[in-house]
Amino acid sequence: MTAALTPRRRDRILEIGTGSGYQTAILARLAGIVFTVERLPDLLVEAEERFRRLGLTNIRTRLGDGAAGWLEEAPFDGISRSRRPARA
C-alpha cells in the first residue's frame, strides 16, 4: 500500500484503520504528516504508545469509524485504507 501512495516529505496522508500502527509508522517516516483513524480503542491506545516510543511526532490519531474520513483536516495528498471494509 505504501508503494502505491508514493508519499513525499510534504504530503498529508489519511490512513483508515490504524491497527497495530506498523503501516502508520512507515508512512510517518516518509510523509510530512499522517492522520490515522481507528475504531477499536484498545488498538489505538497501543499504537499511540508505539508512536511515542518511536519518537514519531507527525502522527495525529482519532478514535472512530474512518469511513467518513477526517473532514476537519482535508484535503489529503493520499489515502491508505488498512482495514477491511465492514460487512453490509
N, C-alpha and C. Protein backbone atom coordinates (compact mmCIF):
# COMPACT_ATOMS: atom_id res chain seq x y z
N MET A 1 0.82 -1.20 0.00
CA MET A 1 0.00 0.00 0.00
C MET A 1 0.87 1.26 0.00
N THR A 2 1.94 1.25 0.74
CA THR A 2 2.81 2.43 0.82
C THR A 2 3.42 2.75 -0.54
N ALA A 3 3.87 1.73 -1.24
CA ALA A 3 4.47 1.95 -2.55
C ALA A 3 3.48 2.58 -3.52
N ALA A 4 2.22 2.19 -3.43
CA ALA A 4 1.19 2.74 -4.33
C ALA A 4 0.95 4.22 -4.04
N LEU A 5 1.12 4.62 -2.79
CA LEU A 5 0.90 6.03 -2.42
C LEU A 5 2.07 6.93 -2.85
N THR A 6 3.25 6.40 -2.87
CA THR A 6 4.48 7.16 -3.10
C THR A 6 4.51 8.48 -2.31
N PRO A 7 4.42 8.38 -0.97
CA PRO A 7 4.40 9.59 -0.15
C PRO A 7 5.71 10.36 -0.22
N ARG A 8 5.58 11.69 -0.14
CA ARG A 8 6.73 12.59 -0.13
C ARG A 8 6.75 13.36 1.19
N ARG A 9 7.87 13.95 1.52
CA ARG A 9 8.06 14.61 2.82
C ARG A 9 7.04 15.70 3.13
N ARG A 10 6.44 16.31 2.16
CA ARG A 10 5.47 17.38 2.43
C ARG A 10 4.01 16.90 2.42
N ASP A 11 3.80 15.62 2.11
CA ASP A 11 2.43 15.10 1.93
C ASP A 11 1.67 14.93 3.24
N ARG A 12 0.37 15.11 3.12
CA ARG A 12 -0.58 14.86 4.20
C ARG A 12 -1.33 13.59 3.82
N ILE A 13 -1.19 12.55 4.65
CA ILE A 13 -1.76 11.25 4.35
C ILE A 13 -2.84 10.91 5.37
N LEU A 14 -3.96 10.40 4.88
CA LEU A 14 -5.02 9.88 5.74
C LEU A 14 -4.95 8.36 5.69
N GLU A 15 -4.88 7.75 6.86
CA GLU A 15 -4.89 6.30 6.96
C GLU A 15 -6.16 5.88 7.68
N ILE A 16 -6.90 5.00 7.07
CA ILE A 16 -8.13 4.48 7.68
C ILE A 16 -7.82 3.08 8.19
N GLY A 17 -7.85 2.93 9.51
CA GLY A 17 -7.53 1.66 10.14
C GLY A 17 -6.09 1.64 10.63
N THR A 18 -5.86 2.16 11.82
CA THR A 18 -4.52 2.24 12.40
C THR A 18 -3.96 0.86 12.72
N GLY A 19 -4.82 0.00 13.28
CA GLY A 19 -4.37 -1.33 13.68
C GLY A 19 -3.23 -1.24 14.66
N SER A 20 -2.17 -2.01 14.44
CA SER A 20 -1.02 -2.03 15.34
C SER A 20 -0.17 -0.77 15.21
N GLY A 21 -0.34 -0.04 14.11
CA GLY A 21 0.43 1.17 13.89
C GLY A 21 1.65 0.97 13.01
N TYR A 22 1.90 -0.26 12.57
CA TYR A 22 3.09 -0.55 11.76
C TYR A 22 3.08 0.27 10.46
N GLN A 23 1.99 0.20 9.71
CA GLN A 23 1.89 0.95 8.46
C GLN A 23 1.95 2.45 8.72
N THR A 24 1.33 2.89 9.80
CA THR A 24 1.34 4.31 10.17
C THR A 24 2.76 4.79 10.39
N ALA A 25 3.55 4.00 11.11
CA ALA A 25 4.93 4.36 11.40
C ALA A 25 5.75 4.48 10.12
N ILE A 26 5.55 3.57 9.19
CA ILE A 26 6.26 3.64 7.91
C ILE A 26 5.87 4.91 7.17
N LEU A 27 4.57 5.18 7.11
CA LEU A 27 4.10 6.39 6.44
C LEU A 27 4.67 7.65 7.10
N ALA A 28 4.75 7.64 8.42
CA ALA A 28 5.26 8.80 9.15
C ALA A 28 6.73 9.09 8.83
N ARG A 29 7.48 8.06 8.51
CA ARG A 29 8.89 8.25 8.13
C ARG A 29 9.03 8.82 6.72
N LEU A 30 8.00 8.65 5.91
CA LEU A 30 8.07 9.07 4.51
C LEU A 30 7.30 10.35 4.21
N ALA A 31 6.20 10.59 4.92
CA ALA A 31 5.32 11.72 4.64
C ALA A 31 5.53 12.85 5.64
N GLY A 32 4.92 13.98 5.35
CA GLY A 32 5.01 15.12 6.26
C GLY A 32 4.20 14.92 7.52
N ILE A 33 2.97 14.47 7.36
CA ILE A 33 2.08 14.22 8.49
C ILE A 33 1.08 13.14 8.11
N VAL A 34 0.77 12.29 9.09
CA VAL A 34 -0.17 11.19 8.88
C VAL A 34 -1.33 11.35 9.86
N PHE A 35 -2.53 11.33 9.32
CA PHE A 35 -3.76 11.35 10.12
C PHE A 35 -4.33 9.94 10.05
N THR A 36 -4.49 9.30 11.20
CA THR A 36 -4.93 7.90 11.20
C THR A 36 -6.15 7.72 12.10
N VAL A 37 -7.11 6.94 11.62
CA VAL A 37 -8.37 6.71 12.32
C VAL A 37 -8.51 5.22 12.63
N GLU A 38 -8.80 4.90 13.88
CA GLU A 38 -9.01 3.52 14.31
C GLU A 38 -10.32 3.43 15.09
N ARG A 39 -11.09 2.39 14.86
CA ARG A 39 -12.38 2.27 15.55
C ARG A 39 -12.32 1.46 16.83
N LEU A 40 -11.24 0.73 17.06
CA LEU A 40 -11.10 -0.08 18.27
C LEU A 40 -10.20 0.63 19.28
N PRO A 41 -10.76 1.02 20.43
CA PRO A 41 -9.99 1.82 21.41
C PRO A 41 -8.70 1.17 21.87
N ASP A 42 -8.73 -0.13 22.15
CA ASP A 42 -7.52 -0.80 22.65
C ASP A 42 -6.39 -0.76 21.62
N LEU A 43 -6.73 -0.98 20.36
CA LEU A 43 -5.71 -0.93 19.31
C LEU A 43 -5.12 0.47 19.19
N LEU A 44 -5.97 1.47 19.28
CA LEU A 44 -5.48 2.84 19.15
C LEU A 44 -4.55 3.21 20.29
N VAL A 45 -4.90 2.85 21.50
CA VAL A 45 -4.06 3.16 22.66
C VAL A 45 -2.69 2.49 22.51
N GLU A 46 -2.67 1.23 22.09
CA GLU A 46 -1.40 0.52 21.90
C GLU A 46 -0.57 1.18 20.79
N ALA A 47 -1.22 1.54 19.70
CA ALA A 47 -0.50 2.18 18.60
C ALA A 47 0.06 3.54 19.03
N GLU A 48 -0.71 4.32 19.75
CA GLU A 48 -0.23 5.62 20.22
C GLU A 48 1.00 5.47 21.11
N GLU A 49 1.00 4.45 21.94
CA GLU A 49 2.17 4.20 22.79
C GLU A 49 3.39 3.84 21.94
N ARG A 50 3.19 3.04 20.91
CA ARG A 50 4.29 2.71 19.99
C ARG A 50 4.85 3.97 19.33
N PHE A 51 3.96 4.84 18.88
CA PHE A 51 4.40 6.08 18.23
C PHE A 51 5.25 6.91 19.18
N ARG A 52 4.83 6.98 20.44
CA ARG A 52 5.59 7.73 21.44
C ARG A 52 6.97 7.11 21.64
N ARG A 53 7.01 5.78 21.78
CA ARG A 53 8.29 5.09 21.99
C ARG A 53 9.23 5.28 20.81
N LEU A 54 8.67 5.34 19.60
CA LEU A 54 9.48 5.52 18.40
C LEU A 54 9.83 6.98 18.13
N GLY A 55 9.27 7.90 18.92
CA GLY A 55 9.56 9.32 18.75
C GLY A 55 8.90 9.91 17.51
N LEU A 56 7.80 9.34 17.07
CA LEU A 56 7.09 9.83 15.88
C LEU A 56 6.12 10.93 16.30
N THR A 57 6.42 12.14 15.89
CA THR A 57 5.62 13.29 16.31
C THR A 57 4.73 13.85 15.20
N ASN A 58 4.79 13.26 14.04
CA ASN A 58 4.00 13.75 12.91
C ASN A 58 2.80 12.85 12.61
N ILE A 59 2.26 12.23 13.66
CA ILE A 59 1.07 11.38 13.52
C ILE A 59 -0.04 11.96 14.39
N ARG A 60 -1.21 12.13 13.80
CA ARG A 60 -2.41 12.55 14.53
C ARG A 60 -3.38 11.39 14.53
N THR A 61 -3.92 11.06 15.69
CA THR A 61 -4.81 9.90 15.79
C THR A 61 -6.22 10.33 16.14
N ARG A 62 -7.15 9.47 15.77
CA ARG A 62 -8.56 9.70 16.08
C ARG A 62 -9.23 8.35 16.28
N LEU A 63 -10.09 8.28 17.29
CA LEU A 63 -10.91 7.10 17.54
C LEU A 63 -12.23 7.28 16.82
N GLY A 64 -12.61 6.32 16.00
CA GLY A 64 -13.89 6.40 15.32
C GLY A 64 -13.90 5.58 14.05
N ASP A 65 -14.99 5.68 13.34
CA ASP A 65 -15.16 4.99 12.06
C ASP A 65 -14.54 5.86 10.98
N GLY A 66 -13.54 5.35 10.31
CA GLY A 66 -12.84 6.13 9.30
C GLY A 66 -13.56 6.24 7.98
N ALA A 67 -14.72 5.62 7.84
CA ALA A 67 -15.44 5.65 6.57
C ALA A 67 -15.75 7.07 6.11
N ALA A 68 -15.94 7.98 7.05
CA ALA A 68 -16.26 9.37 6.71
C ALA A 68 -15.01 10.21 6.50
N GLY A 69 -13.84 9.61 6.68
CA GLY A 69 -12.60 10.37 6.53
C GLY A 69 -12.32 11.22 7.76
N TRP A 70 -11.70 12.36 7.54
CA TRP A 70 -11.36 13.31 8.61
C TRP A 70 -11.54 14.69 8.01
N LEU A 71 -12.79 15.11 7.93
CA LEU A 71 -13.16 16.31 7.19
C LEU A 71 -12.45 17.57 7.67
N GLU A 72 -12.22 17.68 8.96
CA GLU A 72 -11.59 18.89 9.51
C GLU A 72 -10.15 19.08 9.02
N GLU A 73 -9.52 18.01 8.58
CA GLU A 73 -8.12 18.07 8.14
C GLU A 73 -7.95 17.94 6.63
N ALA A 74 -9.03 17.68 5.93
CA ALA A 74 -8.96 17.54 4.46
C ALA A 74 -8.55 18.87 3.85
N PRO A 75 -7.93 18.84 2.69
CA PRO A 75 -7.69 17.71 1.80
C PRO A 75 -6.40 16.97 2.14
N PHE A 76 -6.29 15.76 1.60
CA PHE A 76 -5.11 14.90 1.79
C PHE A 76 -4.45 14.64 0.45
N ASP A 77 -3.16 14.39 0.49
CA ASP A 77 -2.41 14.05 -0.71
C ASP A 77 -2.52 12.58 -1.06
N GLY A 78 -2.89 11.77 -0.09
CA GLY A 78 -3.06 10.33 -0.31
C GLY A 78 -3.91 9.73 0.79
N ILE A 79 -4.56 8.62 0.48
CA ILE A 79 -5.40 7.91 1.45
C ILE A 79 -5.03 6.45 1.41
N SER A 80 -4.80 5.88 2.60
CA SER A 80 -4.49 4.46 2.74
C SER A 80 -5.59 3.82 3.57
N ARG A 81 -6.13 2.74 3.06
CA ARG A 81 -7.17 2.01 3.79
C ARG A 81 -6.54 0.70 4.26
N SER A 82 -6.23 0.64 5.54
CA SER A 82 -5.50 -0.51 6.08
C SER A 82 -6.42 -1.59 6.62
N ARG A 83 -7.62 -1.29 6.85
CA ARG A 83 -8.53 -2.30 7.40
C ARG A 83 -9.48 -2.78 6.33
N ARG A 84 -10.03 -3.95 6.58
CA ARG A 84 -11.02 -4.45 5.61
C ARG A 84 -12.34 -3.76 5.85
N PRO A 85 -13.14 -3.60 4.82
CA PRO A 85 -14.43 -2.91 4.97
C PRO A 85 -15.41 -3.72 5.82
N ALA A 86 -16.28 -3.01 6.51
CA ALA A 86 -17.33 -3.67 7.29
C ALA A 86 -18.31 -4.36 6.36
N ARG A 87 -18.91 -5.43 6.83
CA ARG A 87 -19.87 -6.15 6.01
C ARG A 87 -21.20 -5.42 5.98
N ALA A 88 -21.86 -5.48 4.87
CA ALA A 88 -23.16 -4.81 4.71
C ALA A 88 -24.27 -5.65 5.30
